[in-house]
Amino acid sequence: IGDALMLAFPDPGAALDGSLSLFSACAREQEMPLPRAGLHHGPVI
């Protein structure tokens, strides 16, 4: 959605692993602006 990504994970643990991996990957890219993220767990359709 523009510069935003919508991600889905099976559980909070997987979401933390994926999000932290993405933040670390961005940290290694000098020209990449800082990412920012929000996570919530619950029922979806």
PDB file of all heavy atoms in Angstrom:
ATOM      1  N   ILE A   1       0.882  -1.175   0.000  1.00  0.00           N
ATOM      2  CA  ILE A   1       0.000   0.000   0.000  1.00  0.00           C
ATOM      3  C   ILE A   1       0.916   1.219   0.000  1.00  0.00           C
ATOM      4  O   ILE A   1       1.361   1.675   1.046  1.00  0.00           O
ATOM      5  CB  ILE A   1      -0.919   0.023   1.235  1.00  0.00           C
ATOM      6  CG1 ILE A   1      -1.603  -1.331   1.441  1.00  0.00           C
ATOM      7  CG2 ILE A   1      -1.962   1.128   1.114  1.00  0.00           C
ATOM      8  CD1 ILE A   1      -2.239  -1.498   2.803  1.00  0.00           C
ATOM      9  N   GLY A   2       1.225   1.742  -1.178  1.00  0.00           N
ATOM     10  CA  GLY A   2       2.206   2.811  -1.253  1.00  0.00           C
ATOM     11  C   GLY A   2       3.559   2.303  -0.797  1.00  0.00           C
ATOM     12  O   GLY A   2       4.076   1.312  -1.324  1.00  0.00           O
ATOM     13  N   ASP A   3       4.137   2.942   0.233  1.00  0.00           N
ATOM     14  CA  ASP A   3       5.420   2.473   0.766  1.00  0.00           C
ATOM     15  C   ASP A   3       5.230   1.516   1.936  1.00  0.00           C
ATOM     16  O   ASP A   3       6.210   1.120   2.568  1.00  0.00           O
ATOM     17  CB  ASP A   3       6.281   3.664   1.196  1.00  0.00           C
ATOM     18  CG  ASP A   3       5.697   4.427   2.373  1.00  0.00           C
ATOM     19  OD1 ASP A   3       4.493   4.730   2.324  1.00  0.00           O
ATOM     20  OD2 ASP A   3       6.434   4.727   3.320  1.00  0.00           O
ATOM     21  N   ALA A   4       3.990   1.115   2.220  1.00  0.00           N
ATOM     22  CA  ALA A   4       3.707   0.213   3.333  1.00  0.00           C
ATOM     23  C   ALA A   4       3.502  -1.218   2.842  1.00  0.00           C
ATOM     24  O   ALA A   4       3.001  -1.453   1.742  1.00  0.00           O
ATOM     25  CB  ALA A   4       2.465   0.675   4.093  1.00  0.00           C
ATOM     26  N   LEU A   5       3.898  -2.155   3.694  1.00  0.00           N
ATOM     27  CA  LEU A   5       3.680  -3.571   3.439  1.00  0.00           C
ATOM     28  C   LEU A   5       2.746  -4.118   4.514  1.00  0.00           C
ATOM     29  O   LEU A   5       2.915  -3.823   5.701  1.00  0.00           O
ATOM     30  CB  LEU A   5       4.997  -4.346   3.486  1.00  0.00           C
ATOM     31  CG  LEU A   5       6.141  -3.835   2.614  1.00  0.00           C
ATOM     32  CD1 LEU A   5       7.392  -4.685   2.860  1.00  0.00           C
ATOM     33  CD2 LEU A   5       5.772  -3.857   1.144  1.00  0.00           C
ATOM     34  N   MET A   6       1.778  -4.920   4.089  1.00  0.00           N
ATOM     35  CA  MET A   6       0.921  -5.633   5.034  1.00  0.00           C
ATOM     36  C   MET A   6       1.397  -7.073   5.092  1.00  0.00           C
ATOM     37  O   MET A   6       1.453  -7.763   4.068  1.00  0.00           O
ATOM     38  CB  MET A   6      -0.543  -5.582   4.596  1.00  0.00           C
ATOM     39  CG  MET A   6      -1.471  -6.340   5.528  1.00  0.00           C
ATOM     40  SD  MET A   6      -3.197  -6.261   4.926  1.00  0.00           S
ATOM     41  CE  MET A   6      -3.972  -7.407   6.073  1.00  0.00           C
ATOM     42  N   LEU A   7       1.756  -7.518   6.293  1.00  0.00           N
ATOM     43  CA  LEU A   7       2.308  -8.849   6.501  1.00  0.00           C
ATOM     44  C   LEU A   7       1.391  -9.658   7.412  1.00  0.00           C
ATOM     45  O   LEU A   7       0.690  -9.101   8.255  1.00  0.00           O
ATOM     46  CB  LEU A   7       3.700  -8.754   7.132  1.00  0.00           C
ATOM     47  CG  LEU A   7       4.699  -7.802   6.458  1.00  0.00           C
ATOM     48  CD1 LEU A   7       5.978  -7.713   7.284  1.00  0.00           C
ATOM     49  CD2 LEU A   7       5.007  -8.264   5.044  1.00  0.00           C
ATOM     50  N   ALA A   8       1.416 -10.974   7.242  1.00  0.00           N
ATOM     51  CA  ALA A   8       0.625 -11.861   8.100  1.00  0.00           C
ATOM     52  C   ALA A   8       1.490 -13.028   8.543  1.00  0.00           C
ATOM     53  O   ALA A   8       2.250 -13.593   7.735  1.00  0.00           O
ATOM     54  CB  ALA A   8      -0.612 -12.362   7.370  1.00  0.00           C
ATOM     55  N   PHE A   9       1.351 -13.392   9.818  1.00  0.00           N
ATOM     56  CA  PHE A   9       2.158 -14.445  10.419  1.00  0.00           C
ATOM     57  C   PHE A   9       1.240 -15.398  11.190  1.00  0.00           C
ATOM     58  O   PHE A   9       0.208 -14.983  11.709  1.00  0.00           O
ATOM     59  CB  PHE A   9       3.179 -13.849  11.383  1.00  0.00           C
ATOM     60  CG  PHE A   9       4.044 -12.768  10.790  1.00  0.00           C
ATOM     61  CD1 PHE A   9       3.616 -11.439  10.798  1.00  0.00           C
ATOM     62  CD2 PHE A   9       5.270 -13.068  10.225  1.00  0.00           C
ATOM     63  CE1 PHE A   9       4.408 -10.437  10.265  1.00  0.00           C
ATOM     64  CE2 PHE A   9       6.072 -12.072   9.688  1.00  0.00           C
ATOM     65  CZ  PHE A   9       5.641 -10.763   9.706  1.00  0.00           C
ATOM     66  N   PRO A  10       1.623 -16.660  11.317  1.00  0.00           N
ATOM     67  CA  PRO A  10       0.759 -17.609  12.015  1.00  0.00           C
ATOM     68  C   PRO A  10       0.627 -17.339  13.509  1.00  0.00           C
ATOM     69  O   PRO A  10      -0.370 -17.728  14.122  1.00  0.00           O
ATOM     70  CB  PRO A  10       1.421 -18.966  11.753  1.00  0.00           C
ATOM     71  CG  PRO A  10       2.835 -18.647  11.400  1.00  0.00           C
ATOM     72  CD  PRO A  10       2.792 -17.330  10.711  1.00  0.00           C
ATOM     73  N   ASP A  11       1.617 -16.677  14.110  1.00  0.00           N
ATOM     74  CA  ASP A  11       1.571 -16.427  15.549  1.00  0.00           C
ATOM     75  C   ASP A  11       2.508 -15.263  15.883  1.00  0.00           C
ATOM     76  O   ASP A  11       3.329 -14.849  15.059  1.00  0.00           O
ATOM     77  CB  ASP A  11       1.954 -17.677  16.338  1.00  0.00           C
ATOM     78  CG  ASP A  11       3.305 -18.245  15.910  1.00  0.00           C
ATOM     79  OD1 ASP A  11       4.317 -17.539  16.052  1.00  0.00           O
ATOM     80  OD2 ASP A  11       3.335 -19.383  15.413  1.00  0.00           O
ATOM     81  N   PRO A  12       2.416 -14.729  17.111  1.00  0.00           N
ATOM     82  CA  PRO A  12       3.261 -13.594  17.484  1.00  0.00           C
ATOM     83  C   PRO A  12       4.755 -13.886  17.410  1.00  0.00           C
ATOM     84  O   PRO A  12       5.546 -13.006  17.049  1.00  0.00           O
ATOM     85  CB  PRO A  12       2.823 -13.283  18.914  1.00  0.00           C
ATOM     86  CG  PRO A  12       1.393 -13.731  18.977  1.00  0.00           C
ATOM     87  CD  PRO A  12       1.373 -14.978  18.127  1.00  0.00           C
ATOM     88  N   GLY A  13       5.157 -15.115  17.754  1.00  0.00           N
ATOM     89  CA  GLY A  13       6.575 -15.450  17.697  1.00  0.00           C
ATOM     90  C   GLY A  13       7.135 -15.331  16.288  1.00  0.00           C
ATOM     91  O   GLY A  13       8.222 -14.772  16.074  1.00  0.00           O
ATOM     92  N   ALA A  14       6.381 -15.844  15.319  1.00  0.00           N
ATOM     93  CA  ALA A  14       6.808 -15.741  13.927  1.00  0.00           C
ATOM     94  C   ALA A  14       6.831 -14.287  13.481  1.00  0.00           C
ATOM     95  O   ALA A  14       7.715 -13.868  12.718  1.00  0.00           O
ATOM     96  CB  ALA A  14       5.880 -16.561  13.036  1.00  0.00           C
ATOM     97  N   ALA A  15       5.863 -13.507  13.945  1.00  0.00           N
ATOM     98  CA  ALA A  15       5.814 -12.085  13.579  1.00  0.00           C
ATOM     99  C   ALA A  15       7.034 -11.346  14.115  1.00  0.00           C
ATOM    100  O   ALA A  15       7.603 -10.489  13.426  1.00  0.00           O
ATOM    101  CB  ALA A  15       4.533 -11.455  14.124  1.00  0.00           C
ATOM    102  N   LEU A  16       7.438 -11.661  15.325  1.00  0.00           N
ATOM    103  CA  LEU A  16       8.628 -11.028  15.887  1.00  0.00           C
ATOM    104  C   LEU A  16       9.881 -11.422  15.118  1.00  0.00           C
ATOM    105  O   LEU A  16      10.721 -10.577  14.790  1.00  0.00           O
ATOM    106  CB  LEU A  16       8.768 -11.399  17.361  1.00  0.00           C
ATOM    107  CG  LEU A  16       7.724 -10.779  18.293  1.00  0.00           C
ATOM    108  CD1 LEU A  16       7.751 -11.451  19.653  1.00  0.00           C
ATOM    109  CD2 LEU A  16       7.946  -9.278  18.437  1.00  0.00           C
ATOM    110  N   ASP A  17       9.998 -12.700  14.792  1.00  0.00           N
ATOM    111  CA  ASP A  17      11.165 -13.159  14.032  1.00  0.00           C
ATOM    112  C   ASP A  17      11.249 -12.442  12.688  1.00  0.00           C
ATOM    113  O   ASP A  17      12.311 -11.936  12.301  1.00  0.00           O
ATOM    114  CB  ASP A  17      11.093 -14.674  13.811  1.00  0.00           C
ATOM    115  CG  ASP A  17      11.332 -15.473  15.079  1.00  0.00           C
ATOM    116  OD1 ASP A  17      11.876 -14.891  16.048  1.00  0.00           O
ATOM    117  OD2 ASP A  17      10.977 -16.663  15.109  1.00  0.00           O
ATOM    118  N   GLY A  18      10.128 -12.408  11.966  1.00  0.00           N
ATOM    119  CA  GLY A  18      10.128 -11.796  10.646  1.00  0.00           C
ATOM    120  C   GLY A  18      10.361 -10.292  10.702  1.00  0.00           C
ATOM    121  O   GLY A  18      11.136  -9.745   9.908  1.00  0.00           O
ATOM    122  N   SER A  19       9.716  -9.630  11.643  1.00  0.00           N
ATOM    123  CA  SER A  19       9.848  -8.176  11.748  1.00  0.00           C
ATOM    124  C   SER A  19      11.262  -7.773  12.146  1.00  0.00           C
ATOM    125  O   SER A  19      11.847  -6.843  11.560  1.00  0.00           O
ATOM    126  CB  SER A  19       8.852  -7.629  12.763  1.00  0.00           C
ATOM    127  OG  SER A  19       7.521  -7.902  12.365  1.00  0.00           O
ATOM    128  N   LEU A  20      11.833  -8.448  13.121  1.00  0.00           N
ATOM    129  CA  LEU A  20      13.184  -8.105  13.552  1.00  0.00           C
ATOM    130  C   LEU A  20      14.207  -8.400  12.468  1.00  0.00           C
ATOM    131  O   LEU A  20      15.187  -7.667  12.302  1.00  0.00           O
ATOM    132  CB  LEU A  20      13.523  -8.852  14.839  1.00  0.00           C
ATOM    133  CG  LEU A  20      12.697  -8.445  16.064  1.00  0.00           C
ATOM    134  CD1 LEU A  20      13.047  -9.299  17.270  1.00  0.00           C
ATOM    135  CD2 LEU A  20      12.898  -6.973  16.394  1.00  0.00           C
ATOM    136  N   SER A  21      13.978  -9.474  11.700  1.00  0.00           N
ATOM    137  CA  SER A  21      14.872  -9.770  10.573  1.00  0.00           C
ATOM    138  C   SER A  21      14.805  -8.664   9.530  1.00  0.00           C
ATOM    139  O   SER A  21      15.828  -8.253   8.964  1.00  0.00           O
ATOM    140  CB  SER A  21      14.496 -11.110   9.937  1.00  0.00           C
ATOM    141  OG  SER A  21      14.756 -12.181  10.814  1.00  0.00           O
ATOM    142  N   LEU A  22      13.600  -8.160   9.279  1.00  0.00           N
ATOM    143  CA  LEU A  22      13.443  -7.072   8.309  1.00  0.00           C
ATOM    144  C   LEU A  22      14.099  -5.790   8.813  1.00  0.00           C
ATOM    145  O   LEU A  22      14.785  -5.094   8.053  1.00  0.00           O
ATOM    146  CB  LEU A  22      11.965  -6.836   8.026  1.00  0.00           C
ATOM    147  CG  LEU A  22      11.626  -5.668   7.087  1.00  0.00           C
ATOM    148  CD1 LEU A  22      12.368  -5.805   5.763  1.00  0.00           C
ATOM    149  CD2 LEU A  22      10.125  -5.587   6.858  1.00  0.00           C
ATOM    150  N   PHE A  23      13.923  -5.466  10.078  1.00  0.00           N
ATOM    151  CA  PHE A  23      14.558  -4.270  10.631  1.00  0.00           C
ATOM    152  C   PHE A  23      16.083  -4.370  10.519  1.00  0.00           C
ATOM    153  O   PHE A  23      16.757  -3.397  10.164  1.00  0.00           O
ATOM    154  CB  PHE A  23      14.150  -4.089  12.089  1.00  0.00           C
ATOM    155  CG  PHE A  23      12.893  -3.281  12.277  1.00  0.00           C
ATOM    156  CD1 PHE A  23      11.680  -3.724  11.780  1.00  0.00           C
ATOM    157  CD2 PHE A  23      12.918  -2.079  12.957  1.00  0.00           C
ATOM    158  CE1 PHE A  23      10.523  -2.992  11.954  1.00  0.00           C
ATOM    159  CE2 PHE A  23      11.762  -1.330  13.138  1.00  0.00           C
ATOM    160  CZ  PHE A  23      10.552  -1.787  12.635  1.00  0.00           C
ATOM    161  N   SER A  24      16.616  -5.548  10.833  1.00  0.00           N
ATOM    162  CA  SER A  24      18.066  -5.729  10.751  1.00  0.00           C
ATOM    163  C   SER A  24      18.558  -5.620   9.314  1.00  0.00           C
ATOM    164  O   SER A  24      19.620  -5.041   9.054  1.00  0.00           O
ATOM    165  CB  SER A  24      18.458  -7.095  11.330  1.00  0.00           C
ATOM    166  OG  SER A  24      18.193  -7.149  12.723  1.00  0.00           O
ATOM    167  N   ALA A  25      17.790  -6.171   8.376  1.00  0.00           N
ATOM    168  CA  ALA A  25      18.173  -6.081   6.966  1.00  0.00           C
ATOM    169  C   ALA A  25      18.181  -4.631   6.506  1.00  0.00           C
ATOM    170  O   ALA A  25      19.085  -4.201   5.768  1.00  0.00           O
ATOM    171  CB  ALA A  25      17.220  -6.910   6.112  1.00  0.00           C
ATOM    172  N   CYS A  26      17.202  -3.860   6.934  1.00  0.00           N
ATOM    173  CA  CYS A  26      17.154  -2.444   6.571  1.00  0.00           C
ATOM    174  C   CYS A  26      18.330  -1.680   7.167  1.00  0.00           C
ATOM    175  O   CYS A  26      18.837  -0.734   6.563  1.00  0.00           O
ATOM    176  CB  CYS A  26      15.839  -1.823   7.027  1.00  0.00           C
ATOM    177  SG  CYS A  26      14.385  -2.352   6.068  1.00  0.00           S
ATOM    178  N   ALA A  27      18.760  -2.080   8.360  1.00  0.00           N
ATOM    179  CA  ALA A  27      19.880  -1.403   9.009  1.00  0.00           C
ATOM    180  C   ALA A  27      21.164  -1.563   8.212  1.00  0.00           C
ATOM    181  O   ALA A  27      22.062  -0.719   8.295  1.00  0.00           O
ATOM    182  CB  ALA A  27      20.073  -1.952  10.421  1.00  0.00           C
ATOM    183  N   ARG A  28      21.257  -2.631   7.438  1.00  0.00           N
ATOM    184  CA  ARG A  28      22.466  -2.872   6.641  1.00  0.00           C
ATOM    185  C   ARG A  28      22.426  -2.188   5.279  1.00  0.00           C
ATOM    186  O   ARG A  28      23.394  -2.261   4.524  1.00  0.00           O
ATOM    187  CB  ARG A  28      22.663  -4.379   6.466  1.00  0.00           C
ATOM    188  CG  ARG A  28      22.929  -5.113   7.779  1.00  0.00           C
ATOM    189  CD  ARG A  28      23.345  -6.548   7.551  1.00  0.00           C
ATOM    190  NE  ARG A  28      22.258  -7.363   7.019  1.00  0.00           N
ATOM    191  CZ  ARG A  28      21.397  -8.043   7.770  1.00  0.00           C
ATOM    192  NH1 ARG A  28      21.482  -7.988   9.095  1.00  0.00           N
ATOM    193  NH2 ARG A  28      20.444  -8.771   7.229  1.00  0.00           N
ATOM    194  N   GLU A  29      21.304  -1.543   4.962  1.00  0.00           N
ATOM    195  CA  GLU A  29      21.158  -0.844   3.682  1.00  0.00           C
ATOM    196  C   GLU A  29      21.295   0.658   3.936  1.00  0.00           C
ATOM    197  O   GLU A  29      20.371   1.292   4.455  1.00  0.00           O
ATOM    198  CB  GLU A  29      19.788  -1.150   3.063  1.00  0.00           C
ATOM    199  CG  GLU A  29      19.541  -2.623   2.814  1.00  0.00           C
ATOM    200  CD  GLU A  29      20.042  -3.067   1.450  1.00  0.00           C
ATOM    201  OE1 GLU A  29      20.047  -2.245   0.513  1.00  0.00           O
ATOM    202  OE2 GLU A  29      20.428  -4.247   1.336  1.00  0.00           O
ATOM    203  N   GLN A  30      22.435   1.231   3.573  1.00  0.00           N
ATOM    204  CA  GLN A  30      22.716   2.607   3.958  1.00  0.00           C
ATOM    205  C   GLN A  30      21.670   3.587   3.455  1.00  0.00           C
ATOM    206  O   GLN A  30      21.304   4.524   4.157  1.00  0.00           O
ATOM    207  CB  GLN A  30      24.089   3.023   3.448  1.00  0.00           C
ATOM    208  CG  GLN A  30      24.474   4.440   3.871  1.00  0.00           C
ATOM    209  CD  GLN A  30      25.841   4.842   3.396  1.00  0.00           C
ATOM    210  OE1 GLN A  30      26.611   4.013   2.938  1.00  0.00           O
ATOM    211  NE2 GLN A  30      26.153   6.125   3.499  1.00  0.00           N
ATOM    212  N   GLU A  31      21.166   3.402   2.235  1.00  0.00           N
ATOM    213  CA  GLU A  31      20.238   4.378   1.676  1.00  0.00           C
ATOM    214  C   GLU A  31      18.783   4.154   2.104  1.00  0.00           C
ATOM    215  O   GLU A  31      17.915   4.966   1.792  1.00  0.00           O
ATOM    216  CB  GLU A  31      20.314   4.359   0.148  1.00  0.00           C
ATOM    217  CG  GLU A  31      21.632   4.859  -0.414  1.00  0.00           C
ATOM    218  CD  GLU A  31      21.576   5.047  -1.911  1.00  0.00           C
ATOM    219  OE1 GLU A  31      20.615   4.553  -2.534  1.00  0.00           O
ATOM    220  OE2 GLU A  31      22.472   5.689  -2.457  1.00  0.00           O
ATOM    221  N   MET A  32      18.527   3.085   2.821  1.00  0.00           N
ATOM    222  CA  MET A  32      17.155   2.773   3.199  1.00  0.00           C
ATOM    223  C   MET A  32      16.690   3.661   4.352  1.00  0.00           C
ATOM    224  O   MET A  32      17.362   3.744   5.379  1.00  0.00           O
ATOM    225  CB  MET A  32      17.053   1.302   3.611  1.00  0.00           C
ATOM    226  CG  MET A  32      15.638   0.806   3.803  1.00  0.00           C
ATOM    227  SD  MET A  32      14.703   0.702   2.250  1.00  0.00           S
ATOM    228  CE  MET A  32      15.660  -0.517   1.353  1.00  0.00           C
ATOM    229  N   PRO A  33      15.559   4.345   4.214  1.00  0.00           N
ATOM    230  CA  PRO A  33      15.012   5.067   5.373  1.00  0.00           C
ATOM    231  C   PRO A  33      14.678   4.093   6.495  1.00  0.00           C
ATOM    232  O   PRO A  33      14.565   2.881   6.280  1.00  0.00           O
ATOM    233  CB  PRO A  33      13.734   5.713   4.803  1.00  0.00           C
ATOM    234  CG  PRO A  33      13.936   5.745   3.333  1.00  0.00           C
ATOM    235  CD  PRO A  33      14.750   4.524   3.005  1.00  0.00           C
ATOM    236  N   LEU A  34      14.517   4.621   7.689  1.00  0.00           N
ATOM    237  CA  LEU A  34      14.185   3.764   8.822  1.00  0.00           C
ATOM    238  C   LEU A  34      12.801   3.155   8.654  1.00  0.00           C
ATOM    239  O   LEU A  34      11.837   3.871   8.376  1.00  0.00           O
ATOM    240  CB  LEU A  34      14.216   4.561  10.114  1.00  0.00           C
ATOM    241  CG  LEU A  34      15.581   5.037  10.609  1.00  0.00           C
ATOM    242  CD1 LEU A  34      15.398   5.890  11.853  1.00  0.00           C
ATOM    243  CD2 LEU A  34      16.496   3.866  10.898  1.00  0.00           C
ATOM    244  N   PRO A  35      12.662   1.852   8.854  1.00  0.00           N
ATOM    245  CA  PRO A  35      11.317   1.261   8.870  1.00  0.00           C
ATOM    246  C   PRO A  35      10.636   1.557  10.199  1.00  0.00           C
ATOM    247  O   PRO A  35      11.281   1.880  11.200  1.00  0.00           O
ATOM    248  CB  PRO A  35      11.595  -0.233   8.711  1.00  0.00           C
ATOM    249  CG  PRO A  35      12.940  -0.427   9.322  1.00  0.00           C
ATOM    250  CD  PRO A  35      13.710   0.837   9.039  1.00  0.00           C
ATOM    251  N   ARG A  36       9.321   1.429  10.207  1.00  0.00           N
ATOM    252  CA  ARG A  36       8.529   1.512  11.429  1.00  0.00           C
ATOM    253  C   ARG A  36       7.384   0.522  11.265  1.00  0.00           C
ATOM    254  O   ARG A  36       6.894   0.314  10.156  1.00  0.00           O
ATOM    255  CB  ARG A  36       8.012   2.926  11.668  1.00  0.00           C
ATOM    256  CG  ARG A  36       7.180   3.475  10.539  1.00  0.00           C
ATOM    257  CD  ARG A  36       6.827   4.926  10.746  1.00  0.00           C
ATOM    258  NE  ARG A  36       6.101   5.472   9.601  1.00  0.00           N
ATOM    259  CZ  ARG A  36       5.820   6.756   9.447  1.00  0.00           C
ATOM    260  NH1 ARG A  36       6.193   7.629  10.363  1.00  0.00           N
ATOM    261  NH2 ARG A  36       5.157   7.163   8.385  1.00  0.00           N
ATOM    262  N   ALA A  37       6.954  -0.093  12.365  1.00  0.00           N
ATOM    263  CA  ALA A  37       5.988  -1.183  12.220  1.00  0.00           C
ATOM    264  C   ALA A  37       5.067  -1.285  13.415  1.00  0.00           C
ATOM    265  O   ALA A  37       5.379  -0.833  14.518  1.00  0.00           O
ATOM    266  CB  ALA A  37       6.727  -2.511  12.023  1.00  0.00           C
ATOM    267  N   GLY A  38       3.911  -1.917  13.168  1.00  0.00           N
ATOM    268  CA  GLY A  38       2.945  -2.220  14.215  1.00  0.00           C
ATOM    269  C   GLY A  38       2.445  -3.638  14.045  1.00  0.00           C
ATOM    270  O   GLY A  38       2.186  -4.080  12.918  1.00  0.00           O
ATOM    271  N   LEU A  39       2.301  -4.362  15.159  1.00  0.00           N
ATOM    272  CA  LEU A  39       1.854  -5.763  15.147  1.00  0.00           C
ATOM    273  C   LEU A  39       0.677  -5.953  16.101  1.00  0.00           C
ATOM    274  O   LEU A  39       0.654  -5.387  17.197  1.00  0.00           O
ATOM    275  CB  LEU A  39       2.994  -6.694  15.580  1.00  0.00           C
ATOM    276  CG  LEU A  39       4.270  -6.727  14.749  1.00  0.00           C
ATOM    277  CD1 LEU A  39       5.325  -7.568  15.460  1.00  0.00           C
ATOM    278  CD2 LEU A  39       3.988  -7.275  13.358  1.00  0.00           C
ATOM    279  N   HIS A  40      -0.279  -6.777  15.676  1.00  0.00           N
ATOM    280  CA  HIS A  40      -1.402  -7.143  16.541  1.00  0.00           C
ATOM    281  C   HIS A  40      -1.858  -8.541  16.155  1.00  0.00           C
ATOM    282  O   HIS A  40      -1.862  -8.905  14.966  1.00  0.00           O
ATOM    283  CB  HIS A  40      -2.558  -6.163  16.387  1.00  0.00           C
ATOM    284  CG  HIS A  40      -3.777  -6.541  17.167  1.00  0.00           C
ATOM    285  ND1 HIS A  40      -3.765  -6.755  18.528  1.00  0.00           N
ATOM    286  CD2 HIS A  40      -5.069  -6.770  16.773  1.00  0.00           C
ATOM    287  CE1 HIS A  40      -4.973  -7.080  18.942  1.00  0.00           C
ATOM    288  NE2 HIS A  40      -5.778  -7.105  17.895  1.00  0.00           N
ATOM    289  N   HIS A  41      -2.257  -9.332  17.160  1.00  0.00           N
ATOM    290  CA  HIS A  41      -2.735 -10.704  16.918  1.00  0.00           C
ATOM    291  C   HIS A  41      -4.218 -10.797  17.227  1.00  0.00           C
ATOM    292  O   HIS A  41      -4.693 -10.291  18.247  1.00  0.00           O
ATOM    293  CB  HIS A  41      -1.983 -11.705  17.793  1.00  0.00           C
ATOM    294  CG  HIS A  41      -2.367 -13.127  17.505  1.00  0.00           C
ATOM    295  ND1 HIS A  41      -1.777 -13.869  16.511  1.00  0.00           N
ATOM    296  CD2 HIS A  41      -3.309 -13.930  18.083  1.00  0.00           C
ATOM    297  CE1 HIS A  41      -2.323 -15.066  16.480  1.00  0.00           C
ATOM    298  NE2 HIS A  41      -3.253 -15.137  17.426  1.00  0.00           N
ATOM    299  N   GLY A  42      -4.962 -11.465  16.310  1.00  0.00           N
ATOM    300  CA  GLY A  42      -6.391 -11.655  16.528  1.00  0.00           C
ATOM    301  C   GLY A  42      -7.039 -12.315  15.331  1.00  0.00           C
ATOM    302  O   GLY A  42      -6.378 -12.632  14.331  1.00  0.00           O
ATOM    303  N   PRO A  43      -8.355 -12.544  15.390  1.00  0.00           N
ATOM    304  CA  PRO A  43      -9.070 -13.200  14.292  1.00  0.00           C
ATOM    305  C   PRO A  43      -9.115 -12.302  13.056  1.00  0.00           C
ATOM    306  O   PRO A  43      -9.176 -11.075  13.158  1.00  0.00           O
ATOM    307  CB  PRO A  43     -10.470 -13.423  14.867  1.00  0.00           C
ATOM    308  CG  PRO A  43     -10.603 -12.400  15.947  1.00  0.00           C
ATOM    309  CD  PRO A  43      -9.239 -12.222  16.526  1.00  0.00           C
ATOM    310  N   VAL A  44      -9.079 -12.936  11.892  1.00  0.00           N
ATOM    311  CA  VAL A  44      -9.152 -12.191  10.630  1.00  0.00           C
ATOM    312  C   VAL A  44     -10.086 -12.919   9.670  1.00  0.00           C
ATOM    313  O   VAL A  44     -10.423 -14.094   9.859  1.00  0.00           O
ATOM    314  CB  VAL A  44      -7.767 -12.023   9.967  1.00  0.00           C
ATOM    315  CG1 VAL A  44      -6.806 -11.287  10.881  1.00  0.00           C
ATOM    316  CG2 VAL A  44      -7.201 -13.380   9.562  1.00  0.00           C
ATOM    317  N   ILE A  45     -10.478 -12.220   8.632  1.00  0.00           N
ATOM    318  CA  ILE A  45     -11.257 -12.797   7.540  1.00  0.00           C
ATOM    319  C   ILE A  45     -10.451 -12.638   6.258  1.00  0.00           C
ATOM    320  O   ILE A  45      -9.971 -11.547   5.949  1.00  0.00           O
ATOM    321  CB  ILE A  45     -12.627 -12.115   7.399  1.00  0.00           C
ATOM    322  CG1 ILE A  45     -13.479 -12.405   8.634  1.00  0.00           C
ATOM    323  CG2 ILE A  45     -13.346 -12.590   6.139  1.00  0.00           C
ATOM    324  CD1 ILE A  45     -14.814 -11.697   8.649  1.00  0.00           C
TER     325      ILE A  45
END
